[in-house]
Amino acid sequence: MVQGLSDLIELLRIRQWVKNAFILFPLIFSGQLYKFETFKDSILTLVSFCFISSSLYILNDFLDRHKDRLHPKKSKRPLAKHKINPVSVAGLIFGMMALGLWLSFHVDTTVLYAGLTYILLHLIYNFYTKNVVIVDVIFVAAGFQVRIWAGSLAVDVFPSVWLQLCVFLLALFLGFTKRRHEMTTLKEQAHEHRGVLAHYTVYLLDQIIIICSTLTIVFYGLYAISSEIMGRTGNHNMIYSIGFVIYGMFRYLYLVHVKKLGDDPGEVIFSDKSLMCNIFLWVVFVMCLLYRFL
């Protein structure tokens, strides 16, 4: 079906598995990282969503393979540049999806339901809402919310409302910056690649991106000083982690506006050492606070 290991890796979009790291947030922020059973269940949930998301990426690439040929970067995707056997593609999609669902069921039936919900959201997106302005990105962001819920169900905790809002707004931010990148890169051909782009303008997207980035920082600040976090850390020091969040948002905007990146959030993160270093330091600082090392 595809030629070589590099094409297979590209087809599975392994770099985008980084998005599933949100599944670990409930484990980390609930202070249960040191518990073997909850750690194991959280990792299994992460792996299951990696398989499920890869199956849906393959489905998306198959459905969009003709439009992807109009994109300077996506035209290099395996299903866009090679002749493919639909039966083989279907087998790979269902095989990856079944494996992911089996792993999620092995964790808990509620995690299985979260996996099925994620699949349903993606199917609705692919066959309808991806052509509805603004709702298209909301559905993408909803997928991140499902990841948070899956991680919470895996460790049997209720996710903080503030944490959910932060993740949802961050996902909106990433989704709208992706739309902006496509419009500025493809210009008059943008709507041919993605029909919904005919309803956006760069100015509108810039306004939405500003709102999303601002609210993400504000809600994270509120989360950092919430009674939940104060009770877990025993001090007010979590508020100082907002510096990493502010720098991360500003750095990402710099990469979007100056470096002309933003098409793939995973690629943006892995290609920028400053952003990767900032995320690493944020994780270390937060974990030190949550587990009383600071």
Protein backbone atom coordinates (compact mmCIF):
# COMPACT_ATOMS: atom_id res chain seq x y z
CA MET A 1 0.00 0.00 0.00
CA VAL A 2 2.76 2.43 0.90
CA GLN A 3 6.42 2.29 0.01
CA GLY A 4 8.83 1.90 2.89
CA LEU A 5 8.96 2.53 6.62
CA SER A 6 9.18 6.32 6.27
CA ASP A 7 5.88 6.39 4.37
CA LEU A 8 4.25 4.21 7.03
CA ILE A 9 5.45 6.52 9.80
CA GLU A 10 4.14 9.50 7.85
CA LEU A 11 0.84 7.73 7.25
CA LEU A 12 0.37 7.06 10.99
CA ARG A 13 1.37 10.68 11.75
CA ILE A 14 3.41 9.58 14.77
CA ARG A 15 4.55 13.16 15.40
CA GLN A 16 0.96 14.13 16.08
CA TRP A 17 0.75 11.59 18.90
CA VAL A 18 2.07 14.44 21.04
CA LYS A 19 -1.53 15.73 21.12
CA ASN A 20 -2.47 12.67 23.16
CA ALA A 21 -0.14 13.83 25.93
CA PHE A 22 -3.17 15.72 27.29
CA ILE A 23 -4.41 12.33 28.50
CA LEU A 24 -1.64 12.40 31.11
CA PHE A 25 -2.73 15.76 32.57
CA PRO A 26 -5.32 14.29 34.98
CA LEU A 27 -2.74 11.78 36.22
CA ILE A 28 -0.10 14.45 36.82
CA PHE A 29 -2.37 17.15 38.27
CA SER A 30 -4.21 14.71 40.56
CA GLY A 31 -0.92 13.86 42.27
CA GLN A 32 -1.15 10.14 41.43
CA LEU A 33 1.92 9.83 39.24
CA TYR A 34 3.67 7.66 41.82
CA LYS A 35 0.84 5.07 41.96
CA PHE A 36 1.71 2.15 39.69
CA GLU A 37 -1.85 1.08 38.79
CA THR A 38 -3.05 4.57 37.88
CA PHE A 39 0.19 5.24 36.00
CA LYS A 40 -0.19 2.00 34.04
CA ASP A 41 -3.84 2.72 33.19
CA SER A 42 -3.01 6.25 32.09
CA ILE A 43 -0.21 5.03 29.80
CA LEU A 44 -2.45 2.34 28.31
CA THR A 45 -5.10 4.97 27.63
CA LEU A 46 -2.48 7.15 25.97
CA VAL A 47 -1.35 4.27 23.75
CA SER A 48 -4.94 3.36 22.88
CA PHE A 49 -5.69 6.91 21.73
CA CYS A 50 -2.48 6.95 19.69
CA PHE A 51 -3.75 3.94 17.74
CA ILE A 52 -7.28 5.35 17.44
CA SER A 53 -6.08 8.77 16.31
CA SER A 54 -3.73 7.21 13.74
CA SER A 55 -6.61 5.21 12.27
CA LEU A 56 -8.63 8.42 11.94
CA TYR A 57 -5.67 10.30 10.42
CA ILE A 58 -5.46 7.57 7.77
CA LEU A 59 -9.19 7.89 7.13
CA ASN A 60 -8.85 11.65 6.84
CA ASP A 61 -5.90 11.35 4.42
CA PHE A 62 -7.83 8.87 2.30
CA LEU A 63 -10.91 11.09 2.07
CA ASP A 64 -8.86 14.23 1.37
CA ARG A 65 -6.17 12.69 -0.86
CA HIS A 66 -7.33 14.58 -3.98
CA LYS A 67 -7.49 17.96 -2.22
CA ASP A 68 -4.16 17.29 -0.48
CA ARG A 69 -2.47 17.23 -3.88
CA LEU A 70 -3.16 20.98 -4.11
CA HIS A 71 -1.21 21.63 -0.89
CA PRO A 72 2.60 22.10 -1.19
CA LYS A 73 3.24 20.02 1.92
CA LYS A 74 0.29 17.65 2.17
CA SER A 75 0.83 16.57 -1.42
CA LYS A 76 3.81 14.58 -0.09
CA ARG A 77 1.62 12.45 2.16
CA PRO A 78 1.65 8.75 1.18
CA LEU A 79 -2.03 8.54 0.19
CA ALA A 80 -1.76 11.71 -1.89
CA LYS A 81 1.40 10.80 -3.80
CA HIS A 82 0.91 7.03 -4.26
CA LYS A 83 -1.70 4.93 -5.95
CA ILE A 84 -3.41 3.07 -3.14
CA ASN A 85 -5.57 0.01 -2.65
CA PRO A 86 -8.79 1.05 -0.82
CA VAL A 87 -9.17 -2.45 0.68
CA SER A 88 -5.69 -2.27 2.22
CA VAL A 89 -6.39 1.21 3.57
CA ALA A 90 -9.67 0.03 5.11
CA GLY A 91 -7.90 -2.94 6.69
CA LEU A 92 -5.27 -0.69 8.24
CA ILE A 93 -7.89 1.79 9.51
CA PHE A 94 -10.06 -0.84 11.17
CA GLY A 95 -7.06 -2.78 12.47
CA MET A 96 -5.57 0.26 14.22
CA MET A 97 -8.98 1.34 15.50
CA ALA A 98 -9.83 -2.12 16.87
CA LEU A 99 -6.47 -2.36 18.64
CA GLY A 100 -6.95 1.06 20.22
CA LEU A 101 -10.47 0.25 21.39
CA TRP A 102 -9.35 -3.11 22.78
CA LEU A 103 -6.65 -1.38 24.84
CA SER A 104 -9.11 1.22 26.12
CA PHE A 105 -11.54 -1.54 27.11
CA HIS A 106 -8.68 -3.26 28.95
CA VAL A 107 -8.35 -0.10 31.09
CA ASP A 108 -12.06 0.43 31.79
CA THR A 109 -15.36 0.37 29.93
CA THR A 110 -15.75 4.12 30.54
CA VAL A 111 -12.44 4.71 28.76
CA LEU A 112 -13.78 2.60 25.89
CA TYR A 113 -16.81 4.91 25.73
CA ALA A 114 -14.45 7.89 25.60
CA GLY A 115 -12.61 6.27 22.69
CA LEU A 116 -15.89 5.64 20.86
CA THR A 117 -16.96 9.24 21.52
CA TYR A 118 -13.68 10.47 20.04
CA ILE A 119 -14.27 8.35 16.92
CA LEU A 120 -17.85 9.63 16.61
CA LEU A 121 -16.71 13.27 16.90
CA HIS A 122 -14.09 12.71 14.22
CA LEU A 123 -16.58 11.05 11.86
CA ILE A 124 -19.08 13.89 12.31
CA TYR A 125 -16.24 16.32 11.65
CA ASN A 126 -15.05 14.52 8.53
CA PHE A 127 -18.47 14.13 6.95
CA TYR A 128 -20.14 17.38 8.01
CA THR A 129 -18.75 19.97 10.44
CA LYS A 130 -15.39 20.45 8.72
CA ASN A 131 -17.36 22.50 6.19
CA VAL A 132 -19.12 24.67 8.81
CA VAL A 133 -17.25 27.87 9.67
CA ILE A 134 -16.01 28.13 13.30
CA VAL A 135 -17.84 24.89 14.22
CA ASP A 136 -15.10 23.04 12.33
CA VAL A 137 -12.44 24.14 14.83
CA ILE A 138 -14.78 23.69 17.81
CA PHE A 139 -15.14 20.02 16.89
CA VAL A 140 -11.37 19.65 16.69
CA ALA A 141 -11.08 21.25 20.15
CA ALA A 142 -13.78 18.91 21.46
CA GLY A 143 -11.47 16.04 20.58
CA PHE A 144 -8.94 17.42 23.08
CA GLN A 145 -11.68 17.59 25.71
CA VAL A 146 -12.40 13.91 25.14
CA ARG A 147 -8.69 13.20 25.69
CA ILE A 148 -8.88 14.97 29.06
CA TRP A 149 -11.96 12.98 30.01
CA ALA A 150 -10.35 9.72 28.92
CA GLY A 151 -7.31 10.46 31.07
CA SER A 152 -9.59 11.36 33.99
CA LEU A 153 -11.64 8.18 33.66
CA ALA A 154 -8.45 6.12 33.51
CA VAL A 155 -7.32 7.42 36.93
CA ASP A 156 -10.83 7.84 38.37
CA VAL A 157 -10.75 11.60 39.03
CA PHE A 158 -12.96 14.50 38.00
CA PRO A 159 -10.97 16.97 35.88
CA SER A 160 -10.82 20.57 37.05
CA VAL A 161 -13.23 22.85 35.19
CA TRP A 162 -10.40 25.40 34.82
CA LEU A 163 -8.11 22.73 33.35
CA GLN A 164 -10.79 21.74 30.86
CA LEU A 165 -11.29 25.36 29.82
CA CYS A 166 -7.53 25.87 29.39
CA VAL A 167 -7.21 22.78 27.19
CA PHE A 168 -10.29 23.67 25.13
CA LEU A 169 -9.08 27.23 24.50
CA LEU A 170 -5.55 26.07 23.71
CA ALA A 171 -7.00 23.61 21.19
CA LEU A 172 -9.05 26.41 19.62
CA PHE A 173 -5.90 28.54 19.45
CA LEU A 174 -3.98 25.77 17.66
CA GLY A 175 -6.88 25.05 15.33
CA PHE A 176 -7.37 28.65 14.24
CA THR A 177 -3.61 29.22 13.77
CA LYS A 178 -3.66 26.15 11.50
CA ARG A 179 -6.49 27.69 9.47
CA ARG A 180 -4.56 30.97 9.27
CA HIS A 181 -1.44 29.19 8.03
CA GLU A 182 -3.41 27.44 5.30
CA MET A 183 -4.96 30.72 4.14
CA THR A 184 -1.66 32.60 4.02
CA THR A 185 0.16 29.70 2.35
CA LEU A 186 -2.40 28.70 -0.27
CA LYS A 187 -3.89 32.17 -0.83
CA GLU A 188 -6.56 32.04 -3.58
CA GLN A 189 -6.36 28.22 -3.70
CA ALA A 190 -7.11 27.89 0.02
CA HIS A 191 -10.83 27.15 -0.39
CA GLU A 192 -10.05 24.49 -3.00
CA HIS A 193 -7.97 22.62 -0.44
CA ARG A 194 -10.36 23.17 2.47
CA GLY A 195 -13.81 24.46 1.50
CA VAL A 196 -14.53 26.13 4.84
CA LEU A 197 -11.62 28.54 4.31
CA ALA A 198 -13.80 30.44 1.85
CA HIS A 199 -15.73 31.72 4.88
CA TYR A 200 -12.66 32.90 6.83
CA THR A 201 -10.44 35.95 6.43
CA VAL A 202 -6.97 36.40 7.87
CA TYR A 203 -8.22 39.41 9.85
CA LEU A 204 -11.06 37.41 11.41
CA LEU A 205 -8.69 34.57 12.31
CA ASP A 206 -6.21 37.01 13.88
CA GLN A 207 -8.98 38.41 16.11
CA ILE A 208 -10.10 34.94 17.18
CA ILE A 209 -6.51 33.85 17.83
CA ILE A 210 -5.92 36.90 20.07
CA ILE A 211 -9.07 36.11 22.07
CA CYS A 212 -8.17 32.42 22.45
CA SER A 213 -4.58 33.09 23.50
CA THR A 214 -5.64 35.76 26.01
CA LEU A 215 -8.33 33.59 27.58
CA THR A 216 -5.98 30.60 27.77
CA ILE A 217 -3.51 32.64 29.83
CA VAL A 218 -6.27 34.11 32.03
CA PHE A 219 -7.94 30.77 32.74
CA TYR A 220 -4.60 29.11 33.44
CA GLY A 221 -3.88 31.87 35.96
CA LEU A 222 -7.25 31.24 37.63
CA TYR A 223 -6.50 27.51 37.69
CA ALA A 224 -3.08 28.16 39.25
CA ILE A 225 -4.63 30.07 42.18
CA SER A 226 -7.70 27.84 42.57
CA SER A 227 -8.42 26.25 45.95
CA GLU A 228 -7.89 22.84 44.35
CA ILE A 229 -4.28 23.60 43.39
CA MET A 230 -3.58 25.55 46.59
CA GLY A 231 -4.77 22.59 48.65
CA ARG A 232 -2.63 20.17 46.67
CA THR A 233 0.60 22.18 46.72
CA GLY A 234 0.20 23.88 50.10
CA ASN A 235 1.40 27.22 48.73
CA HIS A 236 0.81 29.90 46.08
CA ASN A 237 3.84 29.03 43.94
CA MET A 238 1.87 27.50 41.05
CA ILE A 239 1.02 31.02 39.87
CA TYR A 240 4.68 31.48 38.91
CA SER A 241 4.29 28.74 36.28
CA ILE A 242 2.17 31.17 34.28
CA GLY A 243 5.43 32.66 33.01
CA PHE A 244 6.05 29.47 31.01
CA VAL A 245 2.51 29.59 29.62
CA ILE A 246 2.83 33.23 28.54
CA TYR A 247 6.19 32.60 26.88
CA GLY A 248 4.86 29.46 25.17
CA MET A 249 1.86 31.30 23.70
CA PHE A 250 3.99 34.24 22.57
CA ARG A 251 6.65 31.97 21.10
CA TYR A 252 4.03 30.04 19.15
CA LEU A 253 2.60 33.29 17.79
CA TYR A 254 6.12 34.32 16.79
CA LEU A 255 6.55 31.06 14.90
CA VAL A 256 3.19 31.57 13.17
CA HIS A 257 3.63 35.21 12.17
CA VAL A 258 7.39 35.47 11.64
CA LYS A 259 8.56 31.97 10.78
CA LYS A 260 5.35 31.21 8.84
CA LEU A 261 4.74 27.92 10.67
CA GLY A 262 1.52 26.59 12.18
CA ASP A 263 0.24 23.95 9.77
CA ASP A 264 1.08 21.09 12.15
CA PRO A 265 1.31 21.91 15.91
CA GLY A 266 3.33 18.76 16.56
CA GLU A 267 5.89 19.70 13.93
CA VAL A 268 6.04 23.28 15.22
CA ILE A 269 6.83 22.07 18.74
CA PHE A 270 9.44 19.51 17.71
CA SER A 271 11.14 21.90 15.28
CA ASP A 272 11.62 24.72 17.78
CA LYS A 273 14.16 24.13 20.56
CA SER A 274 13.04 27.15 22.57
CA LEU A 275 9.44 25.97 22.65
CA MET A 276 10.45 22.42 23.54
CA CYS A 277 12.72 23.67 26.32
CA ASN A 278 9.93 25.87 27.66
CA ILE A 279 7.45 22.97 27.75
CA PHE A 280 10.00 20.75 29.48
CA LEU A 281 10.74 23.38 32.14
CA TRP A 282 7.01 23.95 32.70
CA VAL A 283 6.45 20.22 33.23
CA VAL A 284 9.38 19.98 35.66
CA PHE A 285 8.28 23.08 37.62
CA VAL A 286 4.65 21.94 37.88
CA MET A 287 5.58 18.41 38.93
CA CYS A 288 7.97 19.71 41.57
CA LEU A 289 5.14 21.78 43.03
CA LEU A 290 2.48 19.09 42.86
CA TYR A 291 4.73 16.46 44.43
CA ARG A 292 6.06 18.86 47.10
CA PHE A 293 9.65 19.10 45.89
CA LEU A 294 9.37 22.93 46.02
